Amino acid sequence: MTPLAHLVALPVRAYRLLLSPWVGHGCRFQPTCSIYALEALERHGAIRGGWLTGRRLCRCHPWGGSGYDPVPEKDHSHAGRR
């Protein structure tokens, strides 16, 4: 994980440590949004991982989706192109 991704992950880790036990385990998605955020930051870095996390959090509402929603794999199809 990049240093910037570690910094972005701090609020997620704080949520998991301090608030998650009080909020309960009623996440609509699998993996949970906080685990998704950490995986996205690990796999994609701070910018794209943060964007994926924000997009996931925007879907987490009563009229949003639910079910299995994994972090997308890193796309290497554009690697080396100029």
PDB file of N, CA and C in Angstrom:
ATOM      1  N   MET A   1       0.865  -1.171   0.000  1.00  0.00           N
ATOM      2  CA  MET A   1       0.000   0.000   0.000  1.00  0.00           C
ATOM      3  C   MET A   1       0.910   1.231   0.000  1.00  0.00           C
ATOM      4  N   THR A   2       0.546   2.196  -0.809  1.00  0.00           N
ATOM      5  CA  THR A   2       1.330   3.427  -0.898  1.00  0.00           C
ATOM      6  C   THR A   2       1.170   4.250   0.378  1.00  0.00           C
ATOM      7  N   PRO A   3       2.111   5.152   0.655  1.00  0.00           N
ATOM      8  CA  PRO A   3       1.979   5.992   1.847  1.00  0.00           C
ATOM      9  C   PRO A   3       0.692   6.816   1.858  1.00  0.00           C
ATOM     10  N   LEU A   4       0.290   7.336   0.710  1.00  0.00           N
ATOM     11  CA  LEU A   4      -0.948   8.106   0.645  1.00  0.00           C
ATOM     12  C   LEU A   4      -2.159   7.207   0.911  1.00  0.00           C
ATOM     13  N   ALA A   5      -2.131   5.982   0.413  1.00  0.00           N
ATOM     14  CA  ALA A   5      -3.226   5.040   0.663  1.00  0.00           C
ATOM     15  C   ALA A   5      -3.304   4.694   2.146  1.00  0.00           C
ATOM     16  N   HIS A   6      -2.150   4.572   2.808  1.00  0.00           N
ATOM     17  CA  HIS A   6      -2.149   4.347   4.258  1.00  0.00           C
ATOM     18  C   HIS A   6      -2.834   5.495   4.981  1.00  0.00           C
ATOM     19  N   LEU A   7      -2.559   6.707   4.543  1.00  0.00           N
ATOM     20  CA  LEU A   7      -3.168   7.888   5.152  1.00  0.00           C
ATOM     21  C   LEU A   7      -4.678   7.906   4.937  1.00  0.00           C
ATOM     22  N   VAL A   8      -5.120   7.574   3.731  1.00  0.00           N
ATOM     23  CA  VAL A   8      -6.549   7.537   3.417  1.00  0.00           C
ATOM     24  C   VAL A   8      -7.238   6.410   4.192  1.00  0.00           C
ATOM     25  N   ALA A   9      -6.510   5.340   4.474  1.00  0.00           N
ATOM     26  CA  ALA A   9      -7.088   4.195   5.189  1.00  0.00           C
ATOM     27  C   ALA A   9      -7.257   4.459   6.686  1.00  0.00           C
ATOM     28  N   LEU A  10      -6.617   5.468   7.230  1.00  0.00           N
ATOM     29  CA  LEU A  10      -6.710   5.727   8.667  1.00  0.00           C
ATOM     30  C   LEU A  10      -8.146   5.933   9.155  1.00  0.00           C
ATOM     31  N   PRO A  11      -8.966   6.760   8.492  1.00  0.00           N
ATOM     32  CA  PRO A  11     -10.349   6.890   8.963  1.00  0.00           C
ATOM     33  C   PRO A  11     -11.134   5.579   8.880  1.00  0.00           C
ATOM     34  N   VAL A  12     -10.840   4.758   7.897  1.00  0.00           N
ATOM     35  CA  VAL A  12     -11.526   3.460   7.769  1.00  0.00           C
ATOM     36  C   VAL A  12     -11.133   2.556   8.938  1.00  0.00           C
ATOM     37  N   ARG A  13      -9.853   2.533   9.246  1.00  0.00           N
ATOM     38  CA  ARG A  13      -9.386   1.718  10.373  1.00  0.00           C
ATOM     39  C   ARG A  13      -9.958   2.230  11.692  1.00  0.00           C
ATOM     40  N   ALA A  14     -10.040   3.557  11.847  1.00  0.00           N
ATOM     41  CA  ALA A  14     -10.631   4.138  13.057  1.00  0.00           C
ATOM     42  C   ALA A  14     -12.104   3.757  13.165  1.00  0.00           C
ATOM     43  N   TYR A  15     -12.824   3.809  12.050  1.00  0.00           N
ATOM     44  CA  TYR A  15     -14.236   3.391  12.045  1.00  0.00           C
ATOM     45  C   TYR A  15     -14.363   1.940  12.492  1.00  0.00           C
ATOM     46  N   ARG A  16     -13.532   1.068  11.923  1.00  0.00           N
ATOM     47  CA  ARG A  16     -13.611  -0.361  12.260  1.00  0.00           C
ATOM     48  C   ARG A  16     -13.307  -0.601  13.728  1.00  0.00           C
ATOM     49  N   LEU A  17     -12.397   0.184  14.297  1.00  0.00           N
ATOM     50  CA  LEU A  17     -12.005  -0.003  15.683  1.00  0.00           C
ATOM     51  C   LEU A  17     -12.997   0.618  16.661  1.00  0.00           C
ATOM     52  N   LEU A  18     -13.460   1.830  16.353  1.00  0.00           N
ATOM     53  CA  LEU A  18     -14.248   2.588  17.325  1.00  0.00           C
ATOM     54  C   LEU A  18     -15.759   2.544  17.096  1.00  0.00           C
ATOM     55  N   LEU A  19     -16.197   2.680  15.873  1.00  0.00           N
ATOM     56  CA  LEU A  19     -17.636   2.800  15.611  1.00  0.00           C
ATOM     57  C   LEU A  19     -18.321   1.507  15.188  1.00  0.00           C
ATOM     58  N   SER A  20     -17.631   0.684  14.450  1.00  0.00           N
ATOM     59  CA  SER A  20     -18.255  -0.535  13.931  1.00  0.00           C
ATOM     60  C   SER A  20     -18.857  -1.430  15.015  1.00  0.00           C
ATOM     61  N   PRO A  21     -18.197  -1.609  16.161  1.00  0.00           N
ATOM     62  CA  PRO A  21     -18.830  -2.443  17.193  1.00  0.00           C
ATOM     63  C   PRO A  21     -20.154  -1.866  17.704  1.00  0.00           C
ATOM     64  N   TRP A  22     -20.327  -0.556  17.659  1.00  0.00           N
ATOM     65  CA  TRP A  22     -21.544   0.085  18.155  1.00  0.00           C
ATOM     66  C   TRP A  22     -22.635   0.136  17.091  1.00  0.00           C
ATOM     67  N   VAL A  23     -22.243   0.227  15.826  1.00  0.00           N
ATOM     68  CA  VAL A  23     -23.212   0.351  14.737  1.00  0.00           C
ATOM     69  C   VAL A  23     -23.894  -0.984  14.466  1.00  0.00           C
ATOM     70  N   GLY A  24     -23.163  -2.055  14.593  1.00  0.00           N
ATOM     71  CA  GLY A  24     -23.725  -3.370  14.309  1.00  0.00           C
ATOM     72  C   GLY A  24     -23.246  -3.895  12.973  1.00  0.00           C
ATOM     73  N   HIS A  25     -23.758  -5.032  12.615  1.00  0.00           N
ATOM     74  CA  HIS A  25     -23.316  -5.705  11.386  1.00  0.00           C
ATOM     75  C   HIS A  25     -24.486  -5.837  10.425  1.00  0.00           C
ATOM     76  N   GLY A  26     -24.940  -4.717   9.918  1.00  0.00           N
ATOM     77  CA  GLY A  26     -26.074  -4.736   9.015  1.00  0.00           C
ATOM     78  C   GLY A  26     -25.718  -4.306   7.611  1.00  0.00           C
ATOM     79  N   CYS A  27     -24.504  -4.605   7.180  1.00  0.00           N
ATOM     80  CA  CYS A  27     -24.074  -4.174   5.849  1.00  0.00           C
ATOM     81  C   CYS A  27     -24.857  -4.924   4.773  1.00  0.00           C
ATOM     82  N   ARG A  28     -25.220  -4.206   3.729  1.00  0.00           N
ATOM     83  CA  ARG A  28     -25.991  -4.771   2.629  1.00  0.00           C
ATOM     84  C   ARG A  28     -25.128  -5.555   1.648  1.00  0.00           C
ATOM     85  N   PHE A  29     -23.844  -5.297   1.671  1.00  0.00           N
ATOM     86  CA  PHE A  29     -22.930  -5.893   0.695  1.00  0.00           C
ATOM     87  C   PHE A  29     -21.971  -6.870   1.361  1.00  0.00           C
ATOM     88  N   GLN A  30     -21.426  -7.741   0.547  1.00  0.00           N
ATOM     89  CA  GLN A  30     -20.355  -8.628   0.966  1.00  0.00           C
ATOM     90  C   GLN A  30     -19.228  -8.454  -0.031  1.00  0.00           C
ATOM     91  N   PRO A  31     -18.045  -8.103   0.322  1.00  0.00           N
ATOM     92  CA  PRO A  31     -17.539  -7.764   1.641  1.00  0.00           C
ATOM     93  C   PRO A  31     -18.117  -6.440   2.143  1.00  0.00           C
ATOM     94  N   THR A  32     -18.023  -6.219   3.442  1.00  0.00           N
ATOM     95  CA  THR A  32     -18.558  -4.986   4.023  1.00  0.00           C
ATOM     96  C   THR A  32     -17.847  -3.781   3.424  1.00  0.00           C
ATOM     97  N   CYS A  33     -18.449  -2.626   3.564  1.00  0.00           N
ATOM     98  CA  CYS A  33     -17.889  -1.413   2.957  1.00  0.00           C
ATOM     99  C   CYS A  33     -16.504  -1.083   3.497  1.00  0.00           C
ATOM    100  N   SER A  34     -16.266  -1.320   4.784  1.00  0.00           N
ATOM    101  CA  SER A  34     -14.952  -0.997   5.335  1.00  0.00           C
ATOM    102  C   SER A  34     -13.884  -1.966   4.822  1.00  0.00           C
ATOM    103  N   ILE A  35     -14.214  -3.233   4.703  1.00  0.00           N
ATOM    104  CA  ILE A  35     -13.262  -4.194   4.136  1.00  0.00           C
ATOM    105  C   ILE A  35     -13.042  -3.886   2.659  1.00  0.00           C
ATOM    106  N   TYR A  36     -14.104  -3.539   1.954  1.00  0.00           N
ATOM    107  CA  TYR A  36     -13.994  -3.147   0.549  1.00  0.00           C
ATOM    108  C   TYR A  36     -13.041  -1.967   0.410  1.00  0.00           C
ATOM    109  N   ALA A  37     -13.189  -0.970   1.282  1.00  0.00           N
ATOM    110  CA  ALA A  37     -12.337   0.221   1.223  1.00  0.00           C
ATOM    111  C   ALA A  37     -10.870  -0.142   1.413  1.00  0.00           C
ATOM    112  N   LEU A  38     -10.579  -0.967   2.399  1.00  0.00           N
ATOM    113  CA  LEU A  38      -9.183  -1.356   2.637  1.00  0.00           C
ATOM    114  C   LEU A  38      -8.621  -2.164   1.471  1.00  0.00           C
ATOM    115  N   GLU A  39      -9.413  -3.062   0.905  1.00  0.00           N
ATOM    116  CA  GLU A  39      -8.963  -3.844  -0.248  1.00  0.00           C
ATOM    117  C   GLU A  39      -8.748  -2.949  -1.468  1.00  0.00           C
ATOM    118  N   ALA A  40      -9.648  -2.007  -1.688  1.00  0.00           N
ATOM    119  CA  ALA A  40      -9.519  -1.103  -2.835  1.00  0.00           C
ATOM    120  C   ALA A  40      -8.281  -0.226  -2.700  1.00  0.00           C
ATOM    121  N   LEU A  41      -8.027   0.270  -1.512  1.00  0.00           N
ATOM    122  CA  LEU A  41      -6.837   1.093  -1.289  1.00  0.00           C
ATOM    123  C   LEU A  41      -5.569   0.268  -1.455  1.00  0.00           C
ATOM    124  N   GLU A  42      -5.592  -0.970  -0.993  1.00  0.00           N
ATOM    125  CA  GLU A  42      -4.432  -1.855  -1.138  1.00  0.00           C
ATOM    126  C   GLU A  42      -4.167  -2.178  -2.603  1.00  0.00           C
ATOM    127  N   ARG A  43      -5.206  -2.502  -3.330  1.00  0.00           N
ATOM    128  CA  ARG A  43      -5.068  -2.968  -4.707  1.00  0.00           C
ATOM    129  C   ARG A  43      -4.860  -1.832  -5.707  1.00  0.00           C
ATOM    130  N   HIS A  44      -5.529  -0.693  -5.494  1.00  0.00           N
ATOM    131  CA  HIS A  44      -5.540   0.354  -6.508  1.00  0.00           C
ATOM    132  C   HIS A  44      -4.866   1.657  -6.090  1.00  0.00           C
ATOM    133  N   GLY A  45      -4.470   1.782  -4.828  1.00  0.00           N
ATOM    134  CA  GLY A  45      -3.837   3.010  -4.374  1.00  0.00           C
ATOM    135  C   GLY A  45      -4.863   4.022  -3.887  1.00  0.00           C
ATOM    136  N   ALA A  46      -4.367   5.183  -3.484  1.00  0.00           N
ATOM    137  CA  ALA A  46      -5.217   6.177  -2.823  1.00  0.00           C
ATOM    138  C   ALA A  46      -6.242   6.811  -3.763  1.00  0.00           C
ATOM    139  N   ILE A  47      -5.851   7.156  -4.968  1.00  0.00           N
ATOM    140  CA  ILE A  47      -6.752   7.889  -5.860  1.00  0.00           C
ATOM    141  C   ILE A  47      -7.867   6.988  -6.377  1.00  0.00           C
ATOM    142  N   ARG A  48      -7.512   5.960  -7.106  1.00  0.00           N
ATOM    143  CA  ARG A  48      -8.545   5.067  -7.663  1.00  0.00           C
ATOM    144  C   ARG A  48      -9.248   4.276  -6.553  1.00  0.00           C
ATOM    145  N   GLY A  49      -8.507   3.814  -5.552  1.00  0.00           N
ATOM    146  CA  GLY A  49      -9.116   3.090  -4.438  1.00  0.00           C
ATOM    147  C   GLY A  49     -10.083   3.966  -3.665  1.00  0.00           C
ATOM    148  N   GLY A  50      -9.724   5.234  -3.464  1.00  0.00           N
ATOM    149  CA  GLY A  50     -10.633   6.172  -2.802  1.00  0.00           C
ATOM    150  C   GLY A  50     -11.878   6.422  -3.627  1.00  0.00           C
ATOM    151  N   TRP A  51     -11.707   6.514  -4.953  1.00  0.00           N
ATOM    152  CA  TRP A  51     -12.852   6.726  -5.844  1.00  0.00           C
ATOM    153  C   TRP A  51     -13.786   5.507  -5.806  1.00  0.00           C
ATOM    154  N   LEU A  52     -13.202   4.309  -5.867  1.00  0.00           N
ATOM    155  CA  LEU A  52     -14.019   3.088  -5.801  1.00  0.00           C
ATOM    156  C   LEU A  52     -14.766   3.007  -4.471  1.00  0.00           C
ATOM    157  N   THR A  53     -14.091   3.385  -3.392  1.00  0.00           N
ATOM    158  CA  THR A  53     -14.727   3.368  -2.075  1.00  0.00           C
ATOM    159  C   THR A  53     -15.876   4.362  -2.007  1.00  0.00           C
ATOM    160  N   GLY A  54     -15.654   5.569  -2.510  1.00  0.00           N
ATOM    161  CA  GLY A  54     -16.720   6.575  -2.525  1.00  0.00           C
ATOM    162  C   GLY A  54     -17.917   6.121  -3.345  1.00  0.00           C
ATOM    163  N   ARG A  55     -17.635   5.505  -4.481  1.00  0.00           N
ATOM    164  CA  ARG A  55     -18.713   4.995  -5.339  1.00  0.00           C
ATOM    165  C   ARG A  55     -19.503   3.902  -4.626  1.00  0.00           C
ATOM    166  N   ARG A  56     -18.795   3.042  -3.907  1.00  0.00           N
ATOM    167  CA  ARG A  56     -19.458   1.965  -3.148  1.00  0.00           C
ATOM    168  C   ARG A  56     -20.317   2.552  -2.032  1.00  0.00           C
ATOM    169  N   LEU A  57     -19.792   3.542  -1.301  1.00  0.00           N
ATOM    170  CA  LEU A  57     -20.550   4.151  -0.211  1.00  0.00           C
ATOM    171  C   LEU A  57     -21.797   4.864  -0.723  1.00  0.00           C
ATOM    172  N   CYS A  58     -21.734   5.419  -1.920  1.00  0.00           N
ATOM    173  CA  CYS A  58     -22.915   6.072  -2.498  1.00  0.00           C
ATOM    174  C   CYS A  58     -24.010   5.062  -2.853  1.00  0.00           C
ATOM    175  N   ARG A  59     -23.635   3.808  -3.071  1.00  0.00           N
ATOM    176  CA  ARG A  59     -24.625   2.764  -3.359  1.00  0.00           C
ATOM    177  C   ARG A  59     -25.196   2.148  -2.092  1.00  0.00           C
ATOM    178  N   CYS A  60     -24.630   2.485  -0.950  1.00  0.00           N
ATOM    179  CA  CYS A  60     -25.041   1.863   0.308  1.00  0.00           C
ATOM    180  C   CYS A  60     -26.151   2.686   0.957  1.00  0.00           C
ATOM    181  N   HIS A  61     -27.361   2.484   0.473  1.00  0.00           N
ATOM    182  CA  HIS A  61     -28.543   3.149   1.015  1.00  0.00           C
ATOM    183  C   HIS A  61     -29.738   2.212   0.812  1.00  0.00           C
ATOM    184  N   PRO A  62     -30.863   2.497   1.446  1.00  0.00           N
ATOM    185  CA  PRO A  62     -31.995   1.554   1.387  1.00  0.00           C
ATOM    186  C   PRO A  62     -32.485   1.230  -0.025  1.00  0.00           C
ATOM    187  N   TRP A  63     -32.294   2.133  -0.983  1.00  0.00           N
ATOM    188  CA  TRP A  63     -32.766   1.880  -2.345  1.00  0.00           C
ATOM    189  C   TRP A  63     -31.647   1.412  -3.260  1.00  0.00           C
ATOM    190  N   GLY A  64     -30.453   1.236  -2.694  1.00  0.00           N
ATOM    191  CA  GLY A  64     -29.310   0.768  -3.474  1.00  0.00           C
ATOM    192  C   GLY A  64     -29.320  -0.736  -3.603  1.00  0.00           C
ATOM    193  N   GLY A  65     -28.234  -1.249  -4.117  1.00  0.00           N
ATOM    194  CA  GLY A  65     -28.132  -2.684  -4.314  1.00  0.00           C
ATOM    195  C   GLY A  65     -27.736  -3.408  -3.048  1.00  0.00           C
ATOM    196  N   SER A  66     -27.491  -4.684  -3.215  1.00  0.00           N
ATOM    197  CA  SER A  66     -27.007  -5.512  -2.120  1.00  0.00           C
ATOM    198  C   SER A  66     -26.402  -6.764  -2.731  1.00  0.00           C
ATOM    199  N   GLY A  67     -25.757  -7.569  -1.910  1.00  0.00           N
ATOM    200  CA  GLY A  67     -25.194  -8.824  -2.379  1.00  0.00           C
ATOM    201  C   GLY A  67     -23.680  -8.774  -2.485  1.00  0.00           C
ATOM    202  N   TYR A  68     -23.145  -9.687  -3.264  1.00  0.00           N
ATOM    203  CA  TYR A  68     -21.702  -9.820  -3.422  1.00  0.00           C
ATOM    204  C   TYR A  68     -21.194  -8.757  -4.392  1.00  0.00           C
ATOM    205  N   ASP A  69     -20.262  -7.932  -3.924  1.00  0.00           N
ATOM    206  CA  ASP A  69     -19.710  -6.838  -4.731  1.00  0.00           C
ATOM    207  C   ASP A  69     -18.223  -6.721  -4.420  1.00  0.00           C
ATOM    208  N   PRO A  70     -17.381  -7.526  -5.085  1.00  0.00           N
ATOM    209  CA  PRO A  70     -15.947  -7.497  -4.779  1.00  0.00           C
ATOM    210  C   PRO A  70     -15.252  -6.287  -5.402  1.00  0.00           C
ATOM    211  N   VAL A  71     -14.061  -5.998  -4.915  1.00  0.00           N
ATOM    212  CA  VAL A  71     -13.222  -4.950  -5.497  1.00  0.00           C
ATOM    213  C   VAL A  71     -12.785  -5.437  -6.871  1.00  0.00           C
ATOM    214  N   PRO A  72     -12.909  -4.591  -7.909  1.00  0.00           N
ATOM    215  CA  PRO A  72     -12.471  -5.029  -9.233  1.00  0.00           C
ATOM    216  C   PRO A  72     -10.965  -5.259  -9.278  1.00  0.00           C
ATOM    217  N   GLU A  73     -10.575  -6.169 -10.129  1.00  0.00           N
ATOM    218  CA  GLU A  73      -9.151  -6.432 -10.325  1.00  0.00           C
ATOM    219  C   GLU A  73      -8.493  -5.220 -10.972  1.00  0.00           C
ATOM    220  N   LYS A  74      -7.199  -5.102 -10.764  1.00  0.00           N
ATOM    221  CA  LYS A  74      -6.447  -4.014 -11.373  1.00  0.00           C
ATOM    222  C   LYS A  74      -6.346  -4.273 -12.873  1.00  0.00           C
ATOM    223  N   ASP A  75      -6.669  -3.269 -13.665  1.00  0.00           N
ATOM    224  CA  ASP A  75      -6.671  -3.388 -15.125  1.00  0.00           C
ATOM    225  C   ASP A  75      -5.278  -3.083 -15.657  1.00  0.00           C
ATOM    226  N   HIS A  76      -4.664  -4.078 -16.255  1.00  0.00           N
ATOM    227  CA  HIS A  76      -3.325  -3.900 -16.819  1.00  0.00           C
ATOM    228  C   HIS A  76      -3.363  -3.793 -18.341  1.00  0.00           C
ATOM    229  N   SER A  77      -4.541  -3.662 -18.928  1.00  0.00           N
ATOM    230  CA  SER A  77      -4.633  -3.649 -20.391  1.00  0.00           C
ATOM    231  C   SER A  77      -4.049  -2.385 -20.999  1.00  0.00           C
ATOM    232  N   HIS A  78      -3.961  -1.295 -20.245  1.00  0.00           N
ATOM    233  CA  HIS A  78      -3.398  -0.050 -20.772  1.00  0.00           C
ATOM    234  C   HIS A  78      -1.936   0.118 -20.398  1.00  0.00           C
ATOM    235  N   ALA A  79      -1.373  -0.842 -19.705  1.00  0.00           N
ATOM    236  CA  ALA A  79       0.026  -0.745 -19.278  1.00  0.00           C
ATOM    237  C   ALA A  79       0.937  -0.766 -20.499  1.00  0.00           C
ATOM    238  N   GLY A  80       1.855   0.147 -20.546  1.00  0.00           N
ATOM    239  CA  GLY A  80       2.822   0.195 -21.632  1.00  0.00           C
ATOM    240  C   GLY A  80       2.359   0.991 -22.832  1.00  0.00           C
ATOM    241  N   ARG A  81       1.100   1.390 -22.909  1.00  0.00           N
ATOM    242  CA  ARG A  81       0.638   2.204 -24.043  1.00  0.00           C
ATOM    243  C   ARG A  81       0.987   3.652 -23.837  1.00  0.00           C
ATOM    244  N   ARG A  82       1.211   4.331 -24.911  1.00  0.00           N
ATOM    245  CA  ARG A  82       1.487   5.775 -24.845  1.00  0.00           C
ATOM    246  C   ARG A  82       0.688   6.504 -25.865  1.00  0.00           C
TER     247      ARG A  82
END
